Each structure stands twice: as structure tokens, then as C-alpha cells.
Amino acid sequence: MPHDGANEHNIKAAGGQCSSGTKSLVPLGLYGIIDDPETAVDHSMHGMTSDGKTEVAVAAKIRSEVRKPLG
């Protein structure tokens, strides 16, 4: 379960599931207040890859999208 951190506050988990026959789609996500999105992305990438066995193929693209201004 998500918890507050130095950069994140009031984090909640959301998800759902849609099935048809033998196929399922399970979207999951988090929402809340994030003071510094760049730090949040960096921490997420570190958490996903810290086992040394996982490779995140789109990390650079995700980071560049987060840094785009809104609007």
C-alpha cells in the first residue's frame, strides 16, 4: 500500500479489471500530491531496477515526458 514520503503526500491507489474470454486488462495507478515529479520518476525507476535484473526500456522517454510543461 502506498505511503507518504518526503516528496509525496496523500497517495492513493486505484485500479480495475476488465475481462473478455481468456484476456484481461488490469490498469493500476497512483494519485495524490507530488511536490517534485522529476524526483518521483527517478525514485520509481530506481525502485524498478534496483534488483539488477530488470531493464526499463523506455525510461528516457518517460523522464522527458514528465519534464514537459503542462498546458
Protein backbone atom coordinates (compact mmCIF):
# COMPACT_ATOMS: atom_id res chain seq x y z
CA MET A 1 0.00 0.00 0.00
CA PRO A 2 1.39 3.46 -0.86
CA HIS A 3 2.52 5.72 1.94
CA ASP A 4 3.53 9.34 2.33
CA GLY A 5 7.14 10.26 1.73
CA ALA A 6 9.22 13.42 1.75
CA ASN A 7 8.06 14.24 -1.80
CA GLU A 8 4.63 12.54 -1.93
CA HIS A 9 1.50 13.19 0.13
CA ASN A 10 -1.99 11.66 0.32
CA ILE A 11 -1.06 8.96 -2.20
CA LYS A 12 -3.94 6.62 -3.09
CA ALA A 13 -4.00 3.51 -5.25
CA ALA A 14 -6.60 2.99 -7.98
CA GLY A 15 -7.21 0.06 -10.27
CA GLY A 16 -9.70 -2.06 -12.08
CA GLN A 17 -10.07 -5.14 -14.21
CA CYS A 18 -11.89 -5.87 -17.44
CA SER A 19 -12.06 -9.43 -18.78
CA SER A 20 -13.31 -10.89 -22.02
CA GLY A 21 -12.91 -14.63 -22.53
CA THR A 22 -9.32 -15.52 -21.69
CA LYS A 23 -7.96 -11.96 -21.92
CA SER A 24 -7.80 -9.41 -19.11
CA LEU A 25 -6.79 -5.78 -18.84
CA VAL A 26 -5.73 -4.66 -15.35
CA PRO A 27 -4.95 -0.93 -15.16
CA LEU A 28 -3.29 0.22 -11.94
CA GLY A 29 -2.15 3.65 -10.86
CA LEU A 30 -1.44 6.05 -8.04
CA TYR A 31 -2.63 9.58 -7.45
CA GLY A 32 -2.02 12.25 -4.87
CA ILE A 33 0.20 15.27 -4.35
CA ILE A 34 3.74 15.07 -5.74
CA ASP A 35 5.95 18.05 -4.91
CA ASP A 36 8.68 17.23 -7.47
CA PRO A 37 7.62 14.96 -10.37
CA GLU A 38 11.20 14.53 -11.64
CA THR A 39 12.31 13.13 -8.28
CA ALA A 40 9.25 10.86 -8.18
CA VAL A 41 10.10 9.42 -11.62
CA ASP A 42 13.76 8.95 -10.65
CA HIS A 43 12.77 7.14 -7.44
CA SER A 44 10.28 4.95 -9.34
CA MET A 45 12.88 3.98 -11.94
CA HIS A 46 15.39 3.21 -9.20
CA GLY A 47 12.83 1.06 -7.37
CA MET A 48 12.00 -0.88 -10.54
CA THR A 49 15.63 -1.54 -11.45
CA SER A 50 17.42 -1.89 -8.10
CA ASP A 51 17.34 -5.69 -8.25
CA GLY A 52 19.96 -5.58 -11.04
CA LYS A 53 17.90 -7.97 -13.19
CA THR A 54 15.29 -5.58 -14.56
CA GLU A 55 15.76 -3.29 -17.54
CA VAL A 56 13.39 -0.40 -18.20
CA ALA A 57 13.49 0.13 -21.96
CA VAL A 58 11.56 3.42 -22.08
CA ALA A 59 12.98 5.21 -19.03
CA ALA A 60 14.44 8.12 -21.04
CA LYS A 61 11.15 8.72 -22.85
CA ILE A 62 9.16 8.65 -19.61
CA ARG A 63 11.54 11.13 -17.99
CA SER A 64 11.33 13.53 -20.95
CA GLU A 65 7.50 13.39 -20.93
CA VAL A 66 7.35 14.20 -17.20
CA ARG A 67 9.56 17.25 -17.69
CA LYS A 68 7.26 18.80 -20.32
CA PRO A 69 5.29 21.80 -19.03
CA LEU A 70 1.55 21.32 -18.67
CA GLY A 71 -0.84 23.19 -20.92
